[in-house]
Amino acid sequence: MSISFILTWVIVWAYIGAVGTRRVFLRKHKYTPQSYWIGAVLGGIGSLVVLVPFWLLFLALAKDTRECPQCHNEIPGAAHHCPHCNTYQHTAAYETWKARMDRPTPARYTVFNSREKFESMIGRVVKWTLIAFFFIITAFPFYWMLNLSARPYQDVARNPTKLVPSSAQIQDVPDAFDEVWTTYNFKEYVQNSIKLSFLTVALTLLLSIPGAYATTRLDFRLKNVMSSGILLVYMFPAIVISIPLFVVYTKIGLRGKLSGMVLLYMSATLPVSLYMLRSYFTTIPVELEEAALIDGCTRLETIWRITIPLSLPAIVTVALYVWMIAWNEFLYALLFLLDQPDNWTLPLGLQQLNKAQEVPISYLMIGSLVITIPVIVIYLGLERFVTSGLTAGAVKG
């Protein structure tokens, strides 16, 4: 290192320190000429501190000696020319680096020895990064419900970004759940939702399985028109047909009754159920049913013994779909059950709880958990059937 290099290094960093001190560290203070000198001194001292390790390394190399390959005399380790034969020589540091680079890399350090492995590693990193991202944005709202259900309103207002409730707050959750369950009648709401959803599922499957089988296997007039017109009911939004339904239900006396809600939910879920089951039934070989008929089975026995067991994934998928519609539906429940609090379902009860005055936010979150947890548990338990049912019905149908 020459003196000119050291001076240039210190001057450049002194100028950078002078400008940076005024613009960054003294931005909010009044301008003073001393700020330039302070920054210059700090920059110069910093540059010298950075330069010291390199200077020590240079001195260490200068003390070493090595043999000239031309004249075989000893020369300083940091010298570029041999003083005896005046030939250009690499420094000892370069030779050490060159020797290390020429050594073969051990197999355990050879990670990307092919383009295929490199692309495979990049694909795995991207895949797990996306999985983690979507898991966080999906699971965090549910965790936030759990968090708010354990914290009182005062704590939420004082510290709204608190992620973990205290142990004392967690211990109060059973008391809050018991109050929501009994005082705010969520026990009756759960019973009504269970009755309504399971009745809807049972009756929908009872009608959709024979209907889908008939449109798939039997020959009759207008079969193609009926098959293609199954989903026409979804051309009409629910809000459009809700007013005529409200008038009709009021005249025939079904408004405010769970039996009337079962008919409404069946009319909303039957078209999709027929379409999904019909798509799956087409993937079942006709020869199996013909063999059962030759063996003496009737058409109903063929459906019961052959078609239903083979279509179990699709049937479970349809049952879960219908159950979720009946469990979470709010519009029809608000229109037809509002006058009968004894027949309120969970979504309607939660909405009325939100309208009540002086209801803690933790109670609302507990009510939301009561609605959400059964859906998550049942879906996770039936996920294997749902995946195979949707795949086969959509791809092969």
Protein backbone atom coordinates (compact mmCIF):
# COMPACT_ATOMS: atom_id res chain seq x y z
CA MET A 1 0.00 0.00 0.00
CA SER A 2 1.45 3.32 -1.05
CA ILE A 3 1.12 6.62 0.78
CA SER A 4 -0.86 8.12 -2.10
CA PHE A 5 -3.42 5.30 -1.91
CA ILE A 6 -3.84 5.81 1.84
CA LEU A 7 -4.27 9.58 1.47
CA THR A 8 -6.81 9.15 -1.35
CA TRP A 9 -8.73 6.60 0.72
CA VAL A 10 -8.89 8.91 3.77
CA ILE A 11 -9.88 12.01 1.74
CA VAL A 12 -12.71 10.23 -0.08
CA TRP A 13 -14.19 8.86 3.13
CA ALA A 14 -13.72 12.19 4.90
CA TYR A 15 -15.80 13.88 2.18
CA ILE A 16 -18.47 11.15 2.40
CA GLY A 17 -18.55 11.56 6.17
CA ALA A 18 -18.87 15.34 5.93
CA VAL A 19 -21.81 15.23 3.52
CA GLY A 20 -23.49 12.29 5.23
CA THR A 21 -23.24 13.82 8.69
CA ARG A 22 -25.10 16.95 7.64
CA ARG A 23 -27.78 15.17 5.57
CA VAL A 24 -28.46 12.20 7.83
CA PHE A 25 -27.41 12.76 11.41
CA LEU A 26 -27.88 16.53 11.65
CA ARG A 27 -31.02 16.82 9.47
CA LYS A 28 -33.23 18.10 12.29
CA HIS A 29 -30.65 20.49 13.72
CA LYS A 30 -29.74 23.97 12.62
CA TYR A 31 -26.94 24.13 10.07
CA THR A 32 -23.46 24.89 11.49
CA PRO A 33 -20.10 24.91 9.66
CA GLN A 34 -18.69 22.63 12.32
CA SER A 35 -20.94 19.79 11.04
CA TYR A 36 -18.74 19.39 7.96
CA TRP A 37 -15.58 19.13 10.05
CA ILE A 38 -17.18 16.70 12.45
CA GLY A 39 -18.28 14.48 9.57
CA ALA A 40 -14.88 14.73 7.88
CA VAL A 41 -13.07 13.68 11.06
CA LEU A 42 -15.47 10.78 11.64
CA GLY A 43 -15.15 9.62 8.01
CA GLY A 44 -11.34 9.78 8.12
CA ILE A 45 -11.15 7.88 11.39
CA GLY A 46 -13.55 5.25 10.10
CA SER A 47 -11.55 4.79 6.90
CA LEU A 48 -8.38 4.26 8.88
CA VAL A 49 -10.08 1.73 11.13
CA VAL A 50 -11.23 -0.22 8.06
CA LEU A 51 -7.76 0.03 6.51
CA VAL A 52 -5.87 -1.30 9.55
CA PRO A 53 -6.66 -5.05 9.00
CA PHE A 54 -5.51 -4.83 5.38
CA TRP A 55 -2.34 -3.06 6.44
CA LEU A 56 -1.57 -5.74 9.00
CA LEU A 57 -2.12 -8.42 6.38
CA PHE A 58 0.25 -6.62 4.03
CA LEU A 59 2.94 -6.47 6.71
CA ALA A 60 2.52 -10.17 7.48
CA LEU A 61 2.97 -11.05 3.84
CA ALA A 62 5.98 -8.75 3.51
CA LYS A 63 7.79 -10.65 6.26
CA ASP A 64 7.36 -13.98 4.47
CA THR A 65 9.93 -15.13 1.95
CA ARG A 66 9.63 -17.47 -0.97
CA GLU A 67 11.86 -19.00 -3.62
CA CYS A 68 12.06 -17.53 -7.11
CA PRO A 69 11.31 -20.29 -9.65
CA GLN A 70 13.79 -18.77 -12.15
CA CYS A 71 16.98 -18.09 -10.16
CA HIS A 72 16.04 -20.01 -6.97
CA ASN A 73 16.93 -17.10 -4.69
CA GLU A 74 14.80 -16.00 -1.73
CA ILE A 75 12.59 -12.93 -2.33
CA PRO A 76 10.07 -11.08 -0.09
CA GLY A 77 6.61 -12.64 0.00
CA ALA A 78 4.86 -9.41 -1.09
CA ALA A 79 7.28 -8.59 -3.94
CA HIS A 80 6.07 -8.68 -7.53
CA HIS A 81 9.56 -8.75 -9.13
CA CYS A 82 12.60 -10.77 -8.25
CA PRO A 83 15.51 -8.34 -7.47
CA HIS A 84 18.03 -10.89 -8.77
CA CYS A 85 16.62 -11.91 -12.18
CA ASN A 86 13.99 -9.13 -12.52
CA THR A 87 11.19 -11.54 -13.52
CA TYR A 88 7.54 -10.91 -12.63
CA GLN A 89 6.26 -13.14 -9.85
CA HIS A 90 2.88 -13.55 -8.22
CA THR A 91 2.63 -12.76 -4.52
CA ALA A 92 2.40 -15.43 -1.85
CA ALA A 93 -1.25 -14.53 -1.23
CA TYR A 94 -2.10 -15.13 -4.90
CA GLU A 95 -0.31 -18.45 -4.91
CA THR A 96 -2.16 -19.55 -1.77
CA TRP A 97 -5.49 -18.57 -3.31
CA LYS A 98 -4.61 -20.30 -6.61
CA ALA A 99 -3.69 -23.51 -4.77
CA ARG A 100 -6.99 -23.50 -2.93
CA MET A 101 -8.96 -22.93 -6.12
CA ASP A 102 -7.15 -25.77 -7.90
CA ARG A 103 -8.10 -28.30 -5.24
CA PRO A 104 -11.09 -30.53 -6.18
CA THR A 105 -14.32 -29.76 -4.35
CA PRO A 106 -15.42 -32.56 -1.99
CA ALA A 107 -18.59 -34.37 -3.02
CA ARG A 108 -20.44 -33.30 0.12
CA TYR A 109 -20.06 -29.63 -0.87
CA THR A 110 -21.19 -30.16 -4.46
CA VAL A 111 -24.84 -29.13 -4.13
CA PHE A 112 -25.67 -27.91 -7.61
CA ASN A 113 -23.72 -30.28 -9.84
CA SER A 114 -26.49 -30.20 -12.44
CA ARG A 115 -29.12 -27.80 -13.69
CA GLU A 116 -31.88 -30.27 -12.86
CA LYS A 117 -30.94 -30.36 -9.17
CA PHE A 118 -30.70 -26.58 -9.03
CA GLU A 119 -34.14 -26.10 -10.61
CA SER A 120 -35.56 -28.79 -8.32
CA MET A 121 -34.21 -27.00 -5.26
CA ILE A 122 -35.61 -23.65 -6.45
CA GLY A 123 -38.98 -25.31 -7.05
CA ARG A 124 -39.06 -26.76 -3.53
CA VAL A 125 -38.15 -23.41 -1.99
CA VAL A 126 -40.85 -21.60 -3.97
CA LYS A 127 -43.42 -24.32 -3.19
CA TRP A 128 -42.90 -24.25 0.56
CA THR A 129 -42.72 -20.45 0.57
CA LEU A 130 -46.12 -20.25 -1.14
CA ILE A 131 -47.55 -22.92 1.16
CA ALA A 132 -46.38 -21.01 4.22
CA PHE A 133 -47.74 -17.74 2.82
CA PHE A 134 -51.20 -19.10 2.04
CA PHE A 135 -51.32 -21.01 5.32
CA ILE A 136 -50.61 -17.82 7.26
CA ILE A 137 -53.20 -15.70 5.46
CA THR A 138 -55.75 -18.52 5.86
CA ALA A 139 -55.07 -19.54 9.46
CA PHE A 140 -54.40 -16.09 10.93
CA PRO A 141 -58.06 -14.91 10.86
CA PHE A 142 -59.09 -18.07 12.72
CA TYR A 143 -56.29 -17.53 15.25
CA TRP A 144 -57.37 -13.92 15.63
CA MET A 145 -60.89 -15.11 16.50
CA LEU A 146 -59.37 -17.36 19.17
CA ASN A 147 -57.31 -14.45 20.45
CA LEU A 148 -60.24 -12.03 20.69
CA SER A 149 -62.49 -14.67 22.27
CA ALA A 150 -60.12 -14.82 25.26
CA ARG A 151 -59.60 -11.07 25.75
CA PRO A 152 -62.06 -8.61 27.30
CA TYR A 153 -63.10 -5.46 25.48
CA GLN A 154 -60.98 -3.19 27.68
CA ASP A 155 -57.82 -5.11 26.82
CA VAL A 156 -58.67 -5.09 23.11
CA ALA A 157 -59.27 -1.32 23.14
CA ARG A 158 -56.07 -0.67 25.09
CA ASN A 159 -53.81 -3.00 23.10
CA PRO A 160 -55.53 -4.03 19.83
CA THR A 161 -52.40 -5.66 18.29
CA LYS A 162 -51.73 -8.03 21.18
CA LEU A 163 -51.21 -11.47 19.68
CA VAL A 164 -51.21 -13.71 22.77
CA PRO A 165 -53.72 -13.41 25.64
CA SER A 166 -52.57 -13.78 29.22
CA SER A 167 -53.05 -16.95 31.23
CA ALA A 168 -55.68 -15.28 33.43
CA GLN A 169 -57.68 -14.31 30.34
CA ILE A 170 -57.49 -17.86 28.98
CA GLN A 171 -58.84 -19.20 32.28
CA ASP A 172 -61.94 -16.99 31.91
CA VAL A 173 -62.86 -18.47 28.50
CA PRO A 174 -64.99 -21.38 29.89
CA ASP A 175 -67.11 -18.93 31.90
CA ALA A 176 -67.64 -16.71 28.84
CA PHE A 177 -68.51 -19.75 26.72
CA ASP A 178 -71.01 -20.95 29.31
CA GLU A 179 -72.68 -17.53 29.37
CA VAL A 180 -72.94 -17.44 25.57
CA TRP A 181 -74.23 -21.03 25.54
CA THR A 182 -76.97 -20.47 28.14
CA THR A 183 -77.73 -16.76 28.57
CA TYR A 184 -77.73 -15.92 24.86
CA ASN A 185 -79.53 -19.18 23.84
CA PHE A 186 -76.78 -20.54 21.60
CA LYS A 187 -77.68 -24.02 22.77
CA GLU A 188 -81.09 -23.73 21.06
CA TYR A 189 -79.49 -22.18 17.97
CA VAL A 190 -77.09 -25.11 17.64
CA GLN A 191 -79.93 -27.62 18.00
CA ASN A 192 -81.99 -25.86 15.34
CA SER A 193 -79.04 -25.68 12.94
CA ILE A 194 -78.27 -29.39 13.44
CA LYS A 195 -81.88 -30.39 12.79
CA LEU A 196 -82.16 -28.16 9.75
CA SER A 197 -78.83 -29.13 8.16
CA PHE A 198 -79.15 -32.89 8.62
CA LEU A 199 -82.74 -32.96 7.42
CA THR A 200 -81.71 -31.00 4.34
CA VAL A 201 -78.80 -33.37 3.66
CA ALA A 202 -80.93 -36.51 4.06
CA LEU A 203 -83.80 -35.34 1.85
CA THR A 204 -81.47 -33.87 -0.79
CA LEU A 205 -79.53 -37.11 -1.12
CA LEU A 206 -82.77 -39.11 -1.14
CA LEU A 207 -83.95 -37.18 -4.19
CA SER A 208 -80.66 -36.38 -5.96
CA ILE A 209 -79.25 -39.93 -6.10
CA PRO A 210 -82.23 -41.45 -8.00
CA GLY A 211 -82.58 -38.30 -10.11
CA ALA A 212 -78.92 -38.29 -11.15
CA TYR A 213 -79.04 -42.03 -11.85
CA ALA A 214 -82.13 -41.61 -14.00
CA THR A 215 -80.58 -38.85 -16.13
CA THR A 216 -77.44 -40.98 -16.55
CA ARG A 217 -78.70 -44.53 -17.14
CA LEU A 218 -82.35 -44.40 -18.21
CA ASP A 219 -83.72 -43.37 -21.61
CA PHE A 220 -86.81 -41.15 -21.70
CA ARG A 221 -88.14 -38.21 -23.64
CA LEU A 222 -86.53 -34.78 -23.06
CA LYS A 223 -83.62 -36.40 -21.25
CA ASN A 224 -81.04 -34.08 -22.81
CA VAL A 225 -83.15 -31.01 -22.10
CA MET A 226 -83.53 -32.00 -18.45
CA SER A 227 -79.81 -32.78 -18.13
CA SER A 228 -78.74 -29.44 -19.57
CA GLY A 229 -81.41 -27.47 -17.69
CA ILE A 230 -80.53 -28.71 -14.22
CA LEU A 231 -78.51 -25.61 -13.38
CA LEU A 232 -80.95 -23.08 -14.88
CA VAL A 233 -82.32 -22.35 -11.42
CA TYR A 234 -79.03 -20.63 -10.61
CA MET A 235 -79.79 -17.98 -13.21
CA PHE A 236 -82.04 -16.36 -10.61
CA PRO A 237 -80.28 -14.79 -7.60
CA ALA A 238 -81.63 -15.65 -4.18
CA ILE A 239 -82.53 -12.05 -3.44
CA VAL A 240 -84.77 -11.96 -6.54
CA ILE A 241 -86.91 -14.98 -5.64
CA SER A 242 -86.91 -14.26 -1.90
CA ILE A 243 -89.81 -11.76 -2.06
CA PRO A 244 -92.20 -14.08 -3.97
CA LEU A 245 -91.21 -16.93 -1.65
CA PHE A 246 -91.90 -14.73 1.37
CA VAL A 247 -95.40 -13.97 0.11
CA VAL A 248 -96.14 -17.62 -0.69
CA TYR A 249 -94.79 -18.89 2.63
CA THR A 250 -96.83 -16.31 4.52
CA LYS A 251 -100.08 -17.39 2.79
CA ILE A 252 -99.56 -21.14 3.27
CA GLY A 253 -98.30 -20.80 6.86
CA LEU A 254 -94.72 -22.05 6.45
CA ARG A 255 -93.00 -18.81 7.44
CA GLY A 256 -91.17 -19.19 10.73
CA LYS A 257 -91.04 -23.02 10.60
CA LEU A 258 -87.99 -25.21 10.14
CA SER A 259 -89.87 -27.47 7.72
CA GLY A 260 -90.30 -24.54 5.34
CA MET A 261 -86.57 -23.78 5.58
CA VAL A 262 -85.79 -27.39 4.66
CA LEU A 263 -87.80 -27.00 1.45
CA LEU A 264 -86.00 -23.74 0.65
CA TYR A 265 -82.56 -25.22 1.14
CA MET A 266 -83.46 -28.29 -0.87
CA SER A 267 -84.56 -26.12 -3.79
CA ALA A 268 -81.22 -24.30 -3.62
CA THR A 269 -78.98 -27.37 -3.35
CA LEU A 270 -80.74 -29.99 -5.49
CA PRO A 271 -79.54 -28.65 -8.89
CA VAL A 272 -75.86 -28.72 -7.93
CA SER A 273 -76.28 -32.09 -6.21
CA LEU A 274 -77.84 -33.57 -9.36
CA TYR A 275 -75.10 -32.12 -11.54
CA MET A 276 -72.25 -33.41 -9.36
CA LEU A 277 -73.71 -36.89 -8.95
CA ARG A 278 -74.58 -37.14 -12.63
CA SER A 279 -70.98 -36.29 -13.56
CA TYR A 280 -69.70 -39.02 -11.24
CA PHE A 281 -72.20 -41.67 -12.28
CA THR A 282 -70.96 -41.44 -15.86
CA THR A 283 -67.53 -42.69 -14.71
CA ILE A 284 -68.97 -45.97 -13.35
CA PRO A 285 -68.84 -48.81 -15.94
CA VAL A 286 -72.29 -49.77 -17.17
CA GLU A 287 -71.19 -53.43 -17.35
CA LEU A 288 -71.16 -53.69 -13.55
CA GLU A 289 -74.82 -52.66 -13.34
CA GLU A 290 -75.78 -54.92 -16.26
CA ALA A 291 -74.11 -57.87 -14.52
CA ALA A 292 -76.12 -57.14 -11.35
CA LEU A 293 -79.34 -57.00 -13.38
CA ILE A 294 -78.52 -60.33 -15.04
CA ASP A 295 -77.92 -61.87 -11.61
CA GLY A 296 -81.48 -60.99 -10.64
CA CYS A 297 -81.16 -57.60 -8.91
CA THR A 298 -83.82 -55.01 -9.47
CA ARG A 299 -83.01 -51.46 -10.47
CA LEU A 300 -83.22 -50.21 -6.85
CA GLU A 301 -81.05 -53.11 -5.63
CA THR A 302 -78.50 -52.27 -8.32
CA ILE A 303 -78.38 -48.69 -7.12
CA TRP A 304 -78.04 -49.79 -3.49
CA ARG A 305 -75.49 -52.57 -4.02
CA ILE A 306 -73.40 -51.25 -6.95
CA THR A 307 -73.87 -47.55 -7.66
CA ILE A 308 -73.91 -46.10 -4.16
CA PRO A 309 -70.80 -47.96 -2.85
CA LEU A 310 -68.82 -46.99 -5.95
CA SER A 311 -70.06 -43.38 -5.75
CA LEU A 312 -69.31 -42.89 -2.06
CA PRO A 313 -66.71 -40.09 -2.60
CA ALA A 314 -69.16 -38.07 -4.70
CA ILE A 315 -72.03 -38.68 -2.26
CA VAL A 316 -69.88 -37.50 0.66
CA THR A 317 -68.87 -34.43 -1.33
CA VAL A 318 -72.49 -33.57 -2.08
CA ALA A 319 -73.52 -34.19 1.53
CA LEU A 320 -70.80 -31.87 2.81
CA TYR A 321 -71.75 -29.19 0.29
CA VAL A 322 -75.43 -29.33 1.26
CA TRP A 323 -74.61 -29.39 4.94
CA MET A 324 -72.40 -26.30 4.69
CA ILE A 325 -75.11 -24.41 2.80
CA ALA A 326 -77.75 -25.25 5.42
CA TRP A 327 -75.37 -24.59 8.32
CA ASN A 328 -74.10 -21.18 7.17
CA GLU A 329 -77.10 -19.74 5.23
CA PHE A 330 -78.23 -16.35 6.51
CA LEU A 331 -80.50 -14.55 4.00
CA TYR A 332 -83.44 -16.94 4.03
CA ALA A 333 -83.08 -17.46 7.79
CA LEU A 334 -83.33 -13.69 8.32
CA LEU A 335 -86.41 -13.37 6.08
CA PHE A 336 -88.40 -16.40 7.24
CA LEU A 337 -87.34 -17.01 10.87
CA LEU A 338 -86.92 -13.55 12.33
CA ASP A 339 -90.37 -13.54 13.92
CA GLN A 340 -89.77 -16.91 15.64
CA PRO A 341 -86.76 -16.66 18.02
CA ASP A 342 -87.28 -20.27 19.09
CA ASN A 343 -86.39 -21.41 15.56
CA TRP A 344 -83.38 -19.18 15.00
CA THR A 345 -80.29 -20.79 13.46
CA LEU A 346 -76.68 -20.04 14.39
CA PRO A 347 -75.97 -17.33 11.76
CA LEU A 348 -79.19 -15.52 12.63
CA GLY A 349 -78.52 -15.82 16.36
CA LEU A 350 -75.00 -14.46 15.94
CA GLN A 351 -76.29 -11.51 13.92
CA GLN A 352 -78.88 -10.68 16.56
CA LEU A 353 -76.20 -11.00 19.24
CA ASN A 354 -74.14 -8.45 17.34
CA LYS A 355 -77.11 -6.05 17.34
CA ALA A 356 -77.55 -6.34 21.10
CA GLN A 357 -76.17 -3.56 23.25
CA GLU A 358 -73.19 -3.97 25.57
CA VAL A 359 -72.24 -7.41 24.32
CA PRO A 360 -68.48 -8.02 24.75
CA ILE A 361 -66.50 -8.68 21.61
CA SER A 362 -65.24 -11.91 23.15
CA TYR A 363 -68.84 -13.23 23.14
CA LEU A 364 -69.16 -12.47 19.43
CA MET A 365 -65.90 -14.30 18.72
CA ILE A 366 -67.04 -17.30 20.76
CA GLY A 367 -70.24 -17.40 18.74
CA SER A 368 -68.22 -17.25 15.53
CA LEU A 369 -66.09 -20.15 16.73
CA VAL A 370 -69.21 -22.18 17.47
CA ILE A 371 -70.20 -21.76 13.80
CA THR A 372 -66.72 -22.24 12.32
CA ILE A 373 -65.22 -25.16 14.26
CA PRO A 374 -67.78 -27.83 13.21
CA VAL A 375 -67.24 -26.96 9.53
CA ILE A 376 -63.46 -27.25 9.86
CA VAL A 377 -63.60 -30.52 11.81
CA ILE A 378 -66.06 -32.20 9.44
CA TYR A 379 -64.21 -31.04 6.35
CA LEU A 380 -60.84 -32.26 7.64
CA GLY A 381 -62.43 -35.61 8.50
CA LEU A 382 -63.94 -36.01 5.04
CA GLU A 383 -61.23 -34.29 3.00
CA ARG A 384 -60.06 -37.54 1.39
CA PHE A 385 -63.54 -38.25 0.02
CA VAL A 386 -64.09 -34.65 -1.03
CA THR A 387 -60.86 -34.50 -3.04
CA SER A 388 -61.48 -37.73 -4.93
CA GLY A 389 -65.16 -36.90 -5.48
CA LEU A 390 -64.50 -33.47 -6.94
CA THR A 391 -61.63 -34.69 -9.11
CA ALA A 392 -63.45 -37.63 -10.62
CA GLY A 393 -66.70 -35.75 -11.17
CA ALA A 394 -65.04 -32.78 -12.80
CA VAL A 395 -62.39 -34.46 -14.95
CA LYS A 396 -64.07 -37.66 -16.10
CA GLY A 397 -67.66 -36.45 -16.28
